[in-house]
Amino acid sequence: MSFPLSKSPIFSKLPSYNEFQSLSRRFPTSFSSEWCFSCRISCRKMSCSSETAPPTLQTVKISYSELKDKDADLSLKIEHGFGPNGLGILSISDVPGFSSLRQNLLHLSPRLASLPEEVKKELEDPHSRYNFGWSHGKEKLESGKPDMLKGSFYANPIFDTPTTEASLIQRYPSYCGPNIWPSSALPELEVAFKALGKVILDVGLMVAYHCDRYVSKGMTMRNGEGLEQIIQRSRCHKGLTCGLFTIDAVEVPCPDSASGLYIKTRTDQIVKAPKEEKAFGVERSTFALFLQPDWDEKLNFPGEVHLHQELIRPNMTLTFGEYSEKLLDKYYHLKP
């Protein structure tokens, strides 16, 4: 969960189009759901932008009723969304209960951000490099400076304790550590956090099932290597909701027409998913649940995939945990 910072570390302006172009070196594409288990809530202060907007493209949309039908052939939509010429994003509509669960959680984000500093200090976890509990000013920007304009709260919505094995907790503290909840100061956060996280996970598994059906038409898939099974057996997840914008705790439309979801296509074009409008003094709260592989799942990096070449050699094989630690070394403080 991430938040903007007015008094405390929780409000900042969203990246502008020009800023996004530099950020995209770190995030080559953007996804509405990413595969991992841990969650983040975010809240930021908005400001308007007058920069020229990139083209807006419609994303591929699948209804929940279509998605839950295991006999439905969604291959064309899967290919348009995730295929070679796709944007790397699908929108799932009409998910039962999602809207109210999102409201319940995101309205808690300003309250979490406004907790006394000593309470938030107790929610910090330096050993995990602040990937559990409260985090402020710990992540580095492209400039190398810490991001002081945003506060985040991380937790695993599915497993409070992913493992009790001491060697794993020591090796992969960002995934294997226990959750840290503000049980006394804000007890309702845990319930709302887990409820929304579970819904997003269930929807993500349905998407993965249809991705596996699509892939199986072109290649033989061995038992256990499908995306659905990889996510299902993982213990280290984090989905994404659209932002909630408020003024004095009252929900308002997005105030900045230049803000929103930007996507860098495979042809290096920057495009924008549809939405938005204008005003000042607005807070933005978001929740992310990334659906990731387990920490010991092996990842192959073929030479054709030009991601993080400064960290990973072509044709290298790493576990997801090893891969994540390399990225954390680059963008967060080194392990204490």
C-alpha atoms as a PDB file:
ATOM      1  CA  MET A   1       0.000   0.000   0.000  1.00  0.00           C
ATOM      2  CA  SER A   2       1.533   3.350  -0.893  1.00  0.00           C
ATOM      3  CA  PHE A   3       0.495   6.798   0.201  1.00  0.00           C
ATOM      4  CA  PRO A   4       1.194  10.464  -0.549  1.00  0.00           C
ATOM      5  CA  LEU A   5       2.909  12.689   1.941  1.00  0.00           C
ATOM      6  CA  SER A   6       1.464  15.808   3.437  1.00  0.00           C
ATOM      7  CA  LYS A   7       2.790  15.715   6.992  1.00  0.00           C
ATOM      8  CA  SER A   8       4.391  12.326   6.776  1.00  0.00           C
ATOM      9  CA  PRO A   9       5.881  10.336   3.860  1.00  0.00           C
ATOM     10  CA  ILE A  10       2.800   9.788   1.772  1.00  0.00           C
ATOM     11  CA  PHE A  11       2.069  12.351  -0.954  1.00  0.00           C
ATOM     12  CA  SER A  12       3.919  13.050  -4.158  1.00  0.00           C
ATOM     13  CA  LYS A  13       3.084  14.009  -7.698  1.00  0.00           C
ATOM     14  CA  LEU A  14       2.612  11.205 -10.189  1.00  0.00           C
ATOM     15  CA  PRO A  15       5.374  10.807 -12.793  1.00  0.00           C
ATOM     16  CA  SER A  16       4.959  13.105 -15.757  1.00  0.00           C
ATOM     17  CA  TYR A  17       5.206  11.795 -19.306  1.00  0.00           C
ATOM     18  CA  ASN A  18       8.854  12.900 -19.584  1.00  0.00           C
ATOM     19  CA  GLU A  19       9.661  11.386 -16.191  1.00  0.00           C
ATOM     20  CA  PHE A  20       7.997   8.158 -17.268  1.00  0.00           C
ATOM     21  CA  GLN A  21      10.304   7.910 -20.256  1.00  0.00           C
ATOM     22  CA  SER A  22      13.279   7.768 -17.895  1.00  0.00           C
ATOM     23  CA  LEU A  23      11.474   5.464 -15.465  1.00  0.00           C
ATOM     24  CA  SER A  24      10.703   3.070 -18.292  1.00  0.00           C
ATOM     25  CA  ARG A  25      14.356   2.075 -18.397  1.00  0.00           C
ATOM     26  CA  ARG A  26      13.656   0.370 -15.118  1.00  0.00           C
ATOM     27  CA  PHE A  27      10.196  -0.939 -15.992  1.00  0.00           C
ATOM     28  CA  PRO A  28      10.230  -1.876 -19.707  1.00  0.00           C
ATOM     29  CA  THR A  29       6.518  -2.639 -19.772  1.00  0.00           C
ATOM     30  CA  SER A  30       3.593  -2.161 -17.421  1.00  0.00           C
ATOM     31  CA  PHE A  31       1.083  -4.795 -16.376  1.00  0.00           C
ATOM     32  CA  SER A  32      -2.219  -4.547 -14.577  1.00  0.00           C
ATOM     33  CA  SER A  33      -1.355  -7.760 -12.767  1.00  0.00           C
ATOM     34  CA  GLU A  34       2.168  -9.006 -12.217  1.00  0.00           C
ATOM     35  CA  TRP A  35       2.986 -12.460 -10.998  1.00  0.00           C
ATOM     36  CA  CYS A  36       4.168 -12.316  -7.248  1.00  0.00           C
ATOM     37  CA  PHE A  37       2.717 -12.334  -3.392  1.00  0.00           C
ATOM     38  CA  SER A  38       3.020  -9.371  -1.113  1.00  0.00           C
ATOM     39  CA  CYS A  39       1.039  -6.205  -1.210  1.00  0.00           C
ATOM     40  CA  ARG A  40       1.589  -2.534  -1.271  1.00  0.00           C
ATOM     41  CA  ILE A  41      -0.729   0.423  -0.641  1.00  0.00           C
ATOM     42  CA  SER A  42       0.194   3.829  -1.965  1.00  0.00           C
ATOM     43  CA  CYS A  43      -1.015   7.420  -1.579  1.00  0.00           C
ATOM     44  CA  ARG A  44       0.417  10.520  -3.314  1.00  0.00           C
ATOM     45  CA  LYS A  45      -0.136  14.270  -3.662  1.00  0.00           C
ATOM     46  CA  MET A  46      -1.251  15.297  -7.144  1.00  0.00           C
ATOM     47  CA  SER A  47      -0.230  18.201  -9.337  1.00  0.00           C
ATOM     48  CA  CYS A  48      -1.277  19.133 -12.865  1.00  0.00           C
ATOM     49  CA  SER A  49       0.803  18.706 -15.977  1.00  0.00           C
ATOM     50  CA  SER A  50       0.650  20.643 -19.223  1.00  0.00           C
ATOM     51  CA  GLU A  51       2.968  18.359 -21.180  1.00  0.00           C
ATOM     52  CA  THR A  52       1.848  16.885 -24.480  1.00  0.00           C
ATOM     53  CA  ALA A  53       0.064  13.627 -23.791  1.00  0.00           C
ATOM     54  CA  PRO A  54       1.044  10.399 -25.563  1.00  0.00           C
ATOM     55  CA  PRO A  55      -1.563   8.522 -27.615  1.00  0.00           C
ATOM     56  CA  THR A  56      -4.305   6.757 -25.651  1.00  0.00           C
ATOM     57  CA  LEU A  57      -5.047   3.154 -26.602  1.00  0.00           C
ATOM     58  CA  GLN A  58      -7.886   0.929 -25.432  1.00  0.00           C
ATOM     59  CA  THR A  59      -6.873  -2.102 -23.403  1.00  0.00           C
ATOM     60  CA  VAL A  60      -8.280  -5.588 -23.971  1.00  0.00           C
ATOM     61  CA  LYS A  61     -11.233  -6.186 -21.639  1.00  0.00           C
ATOM     62  CA  ILE A  62     -12.556  -9.530 -20.369  1.00  0.00           C
ATOM     63  CA  SER A  63     -15.644  -9.792 -18.174  1.00  0.00           C
ATOM     64  CA  TYR A  64     -15.507 -11.812 -14.964  1.00  0.00           C
ATOM     65  CA  SER A  65     -18.289 -14.098 -16.236  1.00  0.00           C
ATOM     66  CA  GLU A  66     -16.203 -14.917 -19.328  1.00  0.00           C
ATOM     67  CA  LEU A  67     -13.080 -15.424 -17.255  1.00  0.00           C
ATOM     68  CA  LYS A  68     -14.582 -17.887 -14.781  1.00  0.00           C
ATOM     69  CA  ASP A  69     -15.936 -20.066 -17.619  1.00  0.00           C
ATOM     70  CA  LYS A  70     -13.189 -22.664 -18.055  1.00  0.00           C
ATOM     71  CA  ASP A  71     -14.693 -23.764 -21.362  1.00  0.00           C
ATOM     72  CA  ALA A  72     -14.652 -20.261 -22.874  1.00  0.00           C
ATOM     73  CA  ASP A  73     -12.110 -19.741 -25.640  1.00  0.00           C
ATOM     74  CA  LEU A  74     -10.378 -16.474 -24.733  1.00  0.00           C
ATOM     75  CA  SER A  75      -7.327 -17.148 -26.908  1.00  0.00           C
ATOM     76  CA  LEU A  76      -7.874 -14.144 -29.170  1.00  0.00           C
ATOM     77  CA  LYS A  77      -8.190 -11.735 -26.239  1.00  0.00           C
ATOM     78  CA  ILE A  78      -5.201 -13.295 -24.466  1.00  0.00           C
ATOM     79  CA  GLU A  79      -3.120 -12.885 -27.621  1.00  0.00           C
ATOM     80  CA  HIS A  80      -4.264  -9.285 -28.164  1.00  0.00           C
ATOM     81  CA  GLY A  81      -3.378  -8.441 -24.567  1.00  0.00           C
ATOM     82  CA  PHE A  82      -0.244 -10.489 -23.889  1.00  0.00           C
ATOM     83  CA  GLY A  83       0.887 -11.645 -27.350  1.00  0.00           C
ATOM     84  CA  PRO A  84       3.833 -10.378 -29.458  1.00  0.00           C
ATOM     85  CA  ASN A  85       1.935  -7.239 -30.524  1.00  0.00           C
ATOM     86  CA  GLY A  86      -0.028  -6.737 -27.308  1.00  0.00           C
ATOM     87  CA  LEU A  87       0.368  -3.997 -24.710  1.00  0.00           C
ATOM     88  CA  GLY A  88       1.049  -6.503 -21.936  1.00  0.00           C
ATOM     89  CA  ILE A  89      -2.171  -5.685 -20.103  1.00  0.00           C
ATOM     90  CA  LEU A  90      -5.702  -7.087 -19.690  1.00  0.00           C
ATOM     91  CA  SER A  91      -8.627  -5.402 -17.921  1.00  0.00           C
ATOM     92  CA  ILE A  92     -11.035  -7.645 -16.002  1.00  0.00           C
ATOM     93  CA  SER A  93     -14.500  -6.114 -15.519  1.00  0.00           C
ATOM     94  CA  ASP A  94     -17.459  -6.783 -13.198  1.00  0.00           C
ATOM     95  CA  VAL A  95     -15.551  -8.700 -10.503  1.00  0.00           C
ATOM     96  CA  PRO A  96     -18.091  -9.392  -7.706  1.00  0.00           C
ATOM     97  CA  GLY A  97     -17.378  -7.441  -4.520  1.00  0.00           C
ATOM     98  CA  PHE A  98     -14.229  -5.829  -5.889  1.00  0.00           C
ATOM     99  CA  SER A  99     -15.472  -2.236  -5.795  1.00  0.00           C
ATOM    100  CA  SER A 100     -16.535  -2.298  -2.135  1.00  0.00           C
ATOM    101  CA  LEU A 101     -13.402  -4.171  -1.030  1.00  0.00           C
ATOM    102  CA  ARG A 102     -11.240  -1.614  -2.842  1.00  0.00           C
ATOM    103  CA  GLN A 103     -13.108   1.275  -1.193  1.00  0.00           C
ATOM    104  CA  ASN A 104     -12.820  -0.333   2.243  1.00  0.00           C
ATOM    105  CA  LEU A 105      -9.060  -0.696   1.964  1.00  0.00           C
ATOM    106  CA  LEU A 106      -8.041   2.490   0.178  1.00  0.00           C
ATOM    107  CA  HIS A 107     -10.019   4.708   2.543  1.00  0.00           C
ATOM    108  CA  LEU A 108      -7.750   3.379   5.297  1.00  0.00           C
ATOM    109  CA  SER A 109      -4.565   4.540   3.566  1.00  0.00           C
ATOM    110  CA  PRO A 110      -4.616   8.190   4.778  1.00  0.00           C
ATOM    111  CA  ARG A 111      -5.276   6.935   8.312  1.00  0.00           C
ATOM    112  CA  LEU A 112      -2.264   4.653   8.118  1.00  0.00           C
ATOM    113  CA  ALA A 113      -0.099   7.448   6.740  1.00  0.00           C
ATOM    114  CA  SER A 114      -1.199   9.765   9.557  1.00  0.00           C
ATOM    115  CA  LEU A 115      -0.274   7.408  12.398  1.00  0.00           C
ATOM    116  CA  PRO A 116       2.273   8.863  14.850  1.00  0.00           C
ATOM    117  CA  GLU A 117       5.882   8.540  13.723  1.00  0.00           C
ATOM    118  CA  GLU A 118       6.739   6.302  16.676  1.00  0.00           C
ATOM    119  CA  VAL A 119       3.946   3.891  15.687  1.00  0.00           C
ATOM    120  CA  LYS A 120       5.115   3.749  12.059  1.00  0.00           C
ATOM    121  CA  LYS A 121       8.671   3.194  13.296  1.00  0.00           C
ATOM    122  CA  GLU A 122       7.476   0.017  15.018  1.00  0.00           C
ATOM    123  CA  LEU A 123       6.066  -1.153  11.667  1.00  0.00           C
ATOM    124  CA  GLU A 124       9.441  -0.895   9.891  1.00  0.00           C
ATOM    125  CA  ASP A 125      11.547  -3.943   9.010  1.00  0.00           C
ATOM    126  CA  PRO A 126      15.128  -3.047   7.990  1.00  0.00           C
ATOM    127  CA  HIS A 127      16.080  -6.733   7.658  1.00  0.00           C
ATOM    128  CA  SER A 128      13.686  -7.159   4.699  1.00  0.00           C
ATOM    129  CA  ARG A 129      14.929  -3.836   3.286  1.00  0.00           C
ATOM    130  CA  TYR A 130      11.545  -2.421   4.260  1.00  0.00           C
ATOM    131  CA  ASN A 131       9.623  -4.880   2.064  1.00  0.00           C
ATOM    132  CA  PHE A 132       7.403  -5.757   5.008  1.00  0.00           C
ATOM    133  CA  GLY A 133       5.545  -3.140   7.020  1.00  0.00           C
ATOM    134  CA  TRP A 134       6.063   0.612   6.683  1.00  0.00           C
ATOM    135  CA  SER A 135       8.564   2.092   4.211  1.00  0.00           C
ATOM    136  CA  HIS A 136       9.431   5.722   3.594  1.00  0.00           C
ATOM    137  CA  GLY A 137      12.494   7.134   1.833  1.00  0.00           C
ATOM    138  CA  LYS A 138      14.088   3.716   1.379  1.00  0.00           C
ATOM    139  CA  GLU A 139      13.669   3.223  -2.375  1.00  0.00           C
ATOM    140  CA  LYS A 140      16.116   4.976  -4.705  1.00  0.00           C
ATOM    141  CA  LEU A 141      15.001   7.028  -7.716  1.00  0.00           C
ATOM    142  CA  GLU A 142      16.832   6.917 -11.069  1.00  0.00           C
ATOM    143  CA  SER A 143      18.982   9.785  -9.786  1.00  0.00           C
ATOM    144  CA  GLY A 144      20.153   7.630  -6.890  1.00  0.00           C
ATOM    145  CA  LYS A 145      18.369   9.846  -4.371  1.00  0.00           C
ATOM    146  CA  PRO A 146      15.815   8.344  -1.957  1.00  0.00           C
ATOM    147  CA  ASP A 147      12.120   8.814  -2.788  1.00  0.00           C
ATOM    148  CA  MET A 148      10.961  11.002   0.115  1.00  0.00           C
ATOM    149  CA  LEU A 149       7.564  11.879  -1.357  1.00  0.00           C
ATOM    150  CA  LYS A 150       5.823   8.542  -0.931  1.00  0.00           C
ATOM    151  CA  GLY A 151       5.132   6.159   1.909  1.00  0.00           C
ATOM    152  CA  SER A 152       4.331   2.480   1.391  1.00  0.00           C
ATOM    153  CA  PHE A 153       3.051  -0.424   3.446  1.00  0.00           C
ATOM    154  CA  TYR A 154       3.907  -3.983   2.418  1.00  0.00           C
ATOM    155  CA  ALA A 155       2.407  -7.298   3.503  1.00  0.00           C
ATOM    156  CA  ASN A 156       1.641 -10.742   2.144  1.00  0.00           C
ATOM    157  CA  PRO A 157      -2.183 -10.962   2.008  1.00  0.00           C
ATOM    158  CA  ILE A 158      -2.213 -14.754   1.718  1.00  0.00           C
ATOM    159  CA  PHE A 159       0.467 -15.962   4.153  1.00  0.00           C
ATOM    160  CA  ASP A 160       1.269 -14.153   7.405  1.00  0.00           C
ATOM    161  CA  THR A 161       4.328 -16.389   7.777  1.00  0.00           C
ATOM    162  CA  PRO A 162       5.450 -17.779   4.374  1.00  0.00           C
ATOM    163  CA  THR A 163       8.080 -20.012   6.006  1.00  0.00           C
ATOM    164  CA  THR A 164       9.644 -20.654   9.407  1.00  0.00           C
ATOM    165  CA  GLU A 165      12.916 -21.933   7.931  1.00  0.00           C
ATOM    166  CA  ALA A 166      15.617 -19.635   9.312  1.00  0.00           C
ATOM    167  CA  SER A 167      18.013 -20.105   6.366  1.00  0.00           C
ATOM    168  CA  LEU A 168      15.344 -18.988   3.870  1.00  0.00           C
ATOM    169  CA  ILE A 169      14.350 -15.982   5.978  1.00  0.00           C
ATOM    170  CA  GLN A 170      18.020 -14.980   6.090  1.00  0.00           C
ATOM    171  CA  ARG A 171      18.569 -15.507   2.353  1.00  0.00           C
ATOM    172  CA  TYR A 172      15.308 -14.011   1.027  1.00  0.00           C
ATOM    173  CA  PRO A 173      14.091 -11.638   3.758  1.00  0.00           C
ATOM    174  CA  SER A 174      12.026  -9.588   1.281  1.00  0.00           C
ATOM    175  CA  TYR A 175       9.693 -12.559   0.695  1.00  0.00           C
ATOM    176  CA  CYS A 176      10.136 -14.989   3.576  1.00  0.00           C
ATOM    177  CA  GLY A 177       9.665 -12.659   6.530  1.00  0.00           C
ATOM    178  CA  PRO A 178       6.477 -12.394   8.613  1.00  0.00           C
ATOM    179  CA  ASN A 179       3.850  -9.678   8.168  1.00  0.00           C
ATOM    180  CA  ILE A 180       3.868  -6.677  10.494  1.00  0.00           C
ATOM    181  CA  TRP A 181       0.343  -5.347  11.119  1.00  0.00           C
ATOM    182  CA  PRO A 182      -0.716  -2.222  13.082  1.00  0.00           C
ATOM    183  CA  SER A 183      -2.904  -4.491  15.228  1.00  0.00           C
ATOM    184  CA  SER A 184      -3.514  -1.918  17.965  1.00  0.00           C
ATOM    185  CA  ALA A 185      -3.363   1.358  16.022  1.00  0.00           C
ATOM    186  CA  LEU A 186      -5.403   0.292  12.951  1.00  0.00           C
ATOM    187  CA  PRO A 187      -6.701  -3.295  13.360  1.00  0.00           C
ATOM    188  CA  GLU A 188      -9.157  -3.069  10.443  1.00  0.00           C
ATOM    189  CA  LEU A 189      -6.261  -2.706   7.979  1.00  0.00           C
ATOM    190  CA  GLU A 190      -5.322  -6.389   8.141  1.00  0.00           C
ATOM    191  CA  VAL A 191      -8.876  -7.591   7.414  1.00  0.00           C
ATOM    192  CA  ALA A 192      -9.395  -5.198   4.471  1.00  0.00           C
ATOM    193  CA  PHE A 193      -5.917  -5.869   3.069  1.00  0.00           C
ATOM    194  CA  LYS A 194      -6.346  -9.649   3.057  1.00  0.00           C
ATOM    195  CA  ALA A 195      -9.900  -9.546   1.671  1.00  0.00           C
ATOM    196  CA  LEU A 196      -8.949  -7.491  -1.395  1.00  0.00           C
ATOM    197  CA  GLY A 197      -5.727  -9.437  -1.887  1.00  0.00           C
ATOM    198  CA  LYS A 198      -7.580 -12.766  -1.956  1.00  0.00           C
ATOM    199  CA  VAL A 199     -10.036 -11.537  -4.616  1.00  0.00           C
ATOM    200  CA  ILE A 200      -7.206 -10.277  -6.838  1.00  0.00           C
ATOM    201  CA  LEU A 201      -5.322 -13.560  -6.422  1.00  0.00           C
ATOM    202  CA  ASP A 202      -8.388 -15.593  -7.403  1.00  0.00           C
ATOM    203  CA  VAL A 203      -8.895 -13.461 -10.528  1.00  0.00           C
ATOM    204  CA  GLY A 204      -5.188 -13.718 -11.354  1.00  0.00           C
ATOM    205  CA  LEU A 205      -5.359 -17.505 -11.191  1.00  0.00           C
ATOM    206  CA  MET A 206      -8.289 -17.469 -13.639  1.00  0.00           C
ATOM    207  CA  VAL A 207      -6.269 -15.300 -16.040  1.00  0.00           C
ATOM    208  CA  ALA A 208      -3.322 -17.683 -15.674  1.00  0.00           C
ATOM    209  CA  TYR A 209      -5.560 -20.668 -16.491  1.00  0.00           C
ATOM    210  CA  HIS A 210      -6.636 -19.091 -19.790  1.00  0.00           C
ATOM    211  CA  CYS A 211      -3.022 -18.074 -20.568  1.00  0.00           C
ATOM    212  CA  ASP A 212      -2.013 -21.722 -20.118  1.00  0.00           C
ATOM    213  CA  ARG A 213      -4.806 -22.842 -22.479  1.00  0.00           C
ATOM    214  CA  TYR A 214      -3.561 -20.371 -25.086  1.00  0.00           C
ATOM    215  CA  VAL A 215       0.090 -21.441 -24.758  1.00  0.00           C
ATOM    216  CA  SER A 216      -0.790 -25.166 -24.834  1.00  0.00           C
ATOM    217  CA  LYS A 217      -2.167 -24.743 -28.363  1.00  0.00           C
ATOM    218  CA  GLY A 218       1.322 -23.982 -29.630  1.00  0.00           C
ATOM    219  CA  MET A 219       3.565 -26.104 -27.408  1.00  0.00           C
ATOM    220  CA  THR A 220       3.518 -29.089 -25.098  1.00  0.00           C
ATOM    221  CA  MET A 221       3.353 -28.089 -21.438  1.00  0.00           C
ATOM    222  CA  ARG A 222       4.672 -30.481 -18.828  1.00  0.00           C
ATOM    223  CA  ASN A 223       2.862 -30.970 -15.548  1.00  0.00           C
ATOM    224  CA  GLY A 224       3.777 -28.271 -13.052  1.00  0.00           C
ATOM    225  CA  GLU A 225       5.182 -25.714 -15.484  1.00  0.00           C
ATOM    226  CA  GLY A 226       1.940 -23.889 -16.306  1.00  0.00           C
ATOM    227  CA  LEU A 227       1.492 -20.320 -15.105  1.00  0.00           C
ATOM    228  CA  GLU A 228      -1.554 -21.213 -13.002  1.00  0.00           C
ATOM    229  CA  GLN A 229       0.353 -23.885 -11.080  1.00  0.00           C
ATOM    230  CA  ILE A 230       3.401 -21.658 -10.610  1.00  0.00           C
ATOM    231  CA  ILE A 231       1.252 -18.945  -9.032  1.00  0.00           C
ATOM    232  CA  GLN A 232      -0.830 -21.434  -7.051  1.00  0.00           C
ATOM    233  CA  ARG A 233       2.198 -22.932  -5.305  1.00  0.00           C
ATOM    234  CA  SER A 234       3.903 -19.596  -4.692  1.00  0.00           C
ATOM    235  CA  ARG A 235       4.222 -18.129  -1.214  1.00  0.00           C
ATOM    236  CA  CYS A 236       5.576 -14.708  -2.192  1.00  0.00           C
ATOM    237  CA  HIS A 237       2.844 -12.747  -4.049  1.00  0.00           C
ATOM    238  CA  LYS A 238       2.082  -8.825  -4.533  1.00  0.00           C
ATOM    239  CA  GLY A 239      -2.373  -7.105  -8.584  1.00  0.00           C
ATOM    240  CA  LEU A 240      -3.046  -3.603  -8.940  1.00  0.00           C
ATOM    241  CA  THR A 241      -6.150  -1.467  -8.489  1.00  0.00           C
ATOM    242  CA  CYS A 242      -6.735   1.875 -10.104  1.00  0.00           C
ATOM    243  CA  GLY A 243      -6.047   4.809  -7.809  1.00  0.00           C
ATOM    244  CA  LEU A 244      -8.545   6.328  -5.391  1.00  0.00           C
ATOM    245  CA  PHE A 245      -8.441  10.147  -5.403  1.00  0.00           C
ATOM    246  CA  THR A 246      -9.699  12.104  -2.396  1.00  0.00           C
ATOM    247  CA  ILE A 247      -9.894  15.638  -1.002  1.00  0.00           C
ATOM    248  CA  ASP A 248     -10.410  15.664   2.763  1.00  0.00           C
ATOM    249  CA  ALA A 249     -11.395  11.974   2.598  1.00  0.00           C
ATOM    250  CA  VAL A 250     -14.089  12.606  -0.081  1.00  0.00           C
ATOM    251  CA  GLU A 251     -13.591  10.707  -3.345  1.00  0.00           C
ATOM    252  CA  VAL A 252     -13.150  12.868  -6.471  1.00  0.00           C
ATOM    253  CA  PRO A 253     -12.234  12.200 -10.125  1.00  0.00           C
ATOM    254  CA  CYS A 254      -8.564  12.040 -11.086  1.00  0.00           C
ATOM    255  CA  PRO A 255      -7.317  15.663 -11.162  1.00  0.00           C
ATOM    256  CA  ASP A 256      -4.537  15.388 -13.733  1.00  0.00           C
ATOM    257  CA  SER A 257      -5.219  14.411 -17.338  1.00  0.00           C
ATOM    258  CA  ALA A 258      -1.528  13.594 -17.797  1.00  0.00           C
ATOM    259  CA  SER A 259      -1.442  11.062 -14.972  1.00  0.00           C
ATOM    260  CA  GLY A 260      -2.369   7.413 -15.220  1.00  0.00           C
ATOM    261  CA  LEU A 261      -1.030   4.138 -16.584  1.00  0.00           C
ATOM    262  CA  TYR A 262       1.711   4.506 -19.194  1.00  0.00           C
ATOM    263  CA  ILE A 263       2.947   1.534 -21.196  1.00  0.00           C
ATOM    264  CA  LYS A 264       6.107   1.210 -23.257  1.00  0.00           C
ATOM    265  CA  THR A 265       5.393  -1.067 -26.220  1.00  0.00           C
ATOM    266  CA  ARG A 266       7.825  -3.525 -27.765  1.00  0.00           C
ATOM    267  CA  THR A 267       8.495  -0.928 -30.466  1.00  0.00           C
ATOM    268  CA  ASP A 268       9.520   1.601 -27.774  1.00  0.00           C
ATOM    269  CA  GLN A 269       6.379   3.711 -28.236  1.00  0.00           C
ATOM    270  CA  ILE A 270       4.911   5.257 -25.065  1.00  0.00           C
ATOM    271  CA  VAL A 271       1.117   4.918 -24.913  1.00  0.00           C
ATOM    272  CA  LYS A 272      -1.464   5.599 -22.223  1.00  0.00           C
ATOM    273  CA  ALA A 273      -4.389   3.508 -21.017  1.00  0.00           C
ATOM    274  CA  PRO A 274      -7.666   5.514 -21.062  1.00  0.00           C
ATOM    275  CA  LYS A 275      -9.009   7.910 -18.343  1.00  0.00           C
ATOM    276  CA  GLU A 276      -9.040  11.178 -16.349  1.00  0.00           C
ATOM    277  CA  GLU A 277      -9.442  15.227 -15.411  1.00  0.00           C
ATOM    278  CA  LYS A 278      -8.036  18.475 -13.306  1.00  0.00           C
ATOM    279  CA  ALA A 279      -7.604  19.972  -9.757  1.00  0.00           C
ATOM    280  CA  PHE A 280      -5.135  20.495  -6.909  1.00  0.00           C
ATOM    281  CA  GLY A 281      -4.551  19.171  -3.407  1.00  0.00           C
ATOM    282  CA  VAL A 282      -5.693  15.649  -4.161  1.00  0.00           C
ATOM    283  CA  GLU A 283      -4.420  12.471  -2.517  1.00  0.00           C
ATOM    284  CA  ARG A 284      -3.993   9.251  -4.488  1.00  0.00           C
ATOM    285  CA  SER A 285      -4.143   5.830  -2.829  1.00  0.00           C
ATOM    286  CA  THR A 286      -3.409   2.566  -4.619  1.00  0.00           C
ATOM    287  CA  PHE A 287      -3.087  -1.121  -3.758  1.00  0.00           C
ATOM    288  CA  ALA A 288      -0.841  -3.588  -5.586  1.00  0.00           C
ATOM    289  CA  LEU A 289      -0.843  -7.388  -5.353  1.00  0.00           C
ATOM    290  CA  PHE A 290       1.884  -8.744  -7.633  1.00  0.00           C
ATOM    291  CA  LEU A 291       1.398 -12.420  -8.459  1.00  0.00           C
ATOM    292  CA  GLN A 292       4.953 -13.785  -8.519  1.00  0.00           C
ATOM    293  CA  PRO A 293       6.607 -17.196  -8.695  1.00  0.00           C
ATOM    294  CA  ASP A 294       7.923 -18.778  -5.512  1.00  0.00           C
ATOM    295  CA  TRP A 295      11.437 -17.753  -4.468  1.00  0.00           C
ATOM    296  CA  ASP A 296      12.980 -21.078  -5.621  1.00  0.00           C
ATOM    297  CA  GLU A 297      11.241 -21.108  -9.048  1.00  0.00           C
ATOM    298  CA  LYS A 298      13.892 -21.094 -11.800  1.00  0.00           C
ATOM    299  CA  LEU A 299      13.793 -18.340 -14.433  1.00  0.00           C
ATOM    300  CA  ASN A 300      15.610 -18.537 -17.766  1.00  0.00           C
ATOM    301  CA  PHE A 301      16.734 -15.286 -19.421  1.00  0.00           C
ATOM    302  CA  PRO A 302      17.212 -15.960 -23.169  1.00  0.00           C
ATOM    303  CA  GLY A 303      19.503 -13.668 -25.104  1.00  0.00           C
ATOM    304  CA  GLU A 304      16.535 -12.199 -27.012  1.00  0.00           C
ATOM    305  CA  VAL A 305      15.082 -10.757 -23.786  1.00  0.00           C
ATOM    306  CA  HIS A 306      16.942  -7.510 -23.161  1.00  0.00           C
ATOM    307  CA  LEU A 307      15.977  -6.922 -19.521  1.00  0.00           C
ATOM    308  CA  HIS A 308      18.374  -5.707 -16.823  1.00  0.00           C
ATOM    309  CA  GLN A 309      21.406  -6.570 -18.949  1.00  0.00           C
ATOM    310  CA  GLU A 310      23.623  -4.730 -16.484  1.00  0.00           C
ATOM    311  CA  LEU A 311      22.628  -7.310 -13.852  1.00  0.00           C
ATOM    312  CA  ILE A 312      21.885 -10.509 -15.774  1.00  0.00           C
ATOM    313  CA  ARG A 313      23.963 -12.170 -18.495  1.00  0.00           C
ATOM    314  CA  PRO A 314      22.212 -13.519 -21.626  1.00  0.00           C
ATOM    315  CA  ASN A 315      21.029 -17.143 -21.287  1.00  0.00           C
ATOM    316  CA  MET A 316      21.513 -16.992 -17.526  1.00  0.00           C
ATOM    317  CA  THR A 317      19.325 -19.052 -15.162  1.00  0.00           C
ATOM    318  CA  LEU A 318      18.380 -17.657 -11.744  1.00  0.00           C
ATOM    319  CA  THR A 319      15.806 -18.489  -9.128  1.00  0.00           C
ATOM    320  CA  PHE A 320      13.142 -15.832  -8.696  1.00  0.00           C
ATOM    321  CA  GLY A 321      14.599 -15.071  -5.268  1.00  0.00           C
ATOM    322  CA  GLU A 322      18.093 -14.496  -6.720  1.00  0.00           C
ATOM    323  CA  TYR A 323      16.659 -12.309  -9.480  1.00  0.00           C
ATOM    324  CA  SER A 324      14.690 -10.225  -6.964  1.00  0.00           C
ATOM    325  CA  GLU A 325      17.716  -9.721  -4.722  1.00  0.00           C
ATOM    326  CA  LYS A 326      19.698  -8.352  -7.675  1.00  0.00           C
ATOM    327  CA  LEU A 327      16.961  -5.790  -8.375  1.00  0.00           C
ATOM    328  CA  LEU A 328      16.642  -4.876  -4.705  1.00  0.00           C
ATOM    329  CA  ASP A 329      20.403  -4.290  -4.549  1.00  0.00           C
ATOM    330  CA  LYS A 330      20.015  -1.785  -7.379  1.00  0.00           C
ATOM    331  CA  TYR A 331      16.926   0.114  -6.247  1.00  0.00           C
ATOM    332  CA  TYR A 332      16.973  -0.213  -2.455  1.00  0.00           C
ATOM    333  CA  HIS A 333      19.554   0.079   0.273  1.00  0.00           C
ATOM    334  CA  LEU A 334      21.900  -2.881   0.483  1.00  0.00           C
ATOM    335  CA  LYS A 335      21.162  -5.469   3.142  1.00  0.00           C
ATOM    336  CA  PRO A 336      21.890  -4.195   6.653  1.00  0.00           C
END
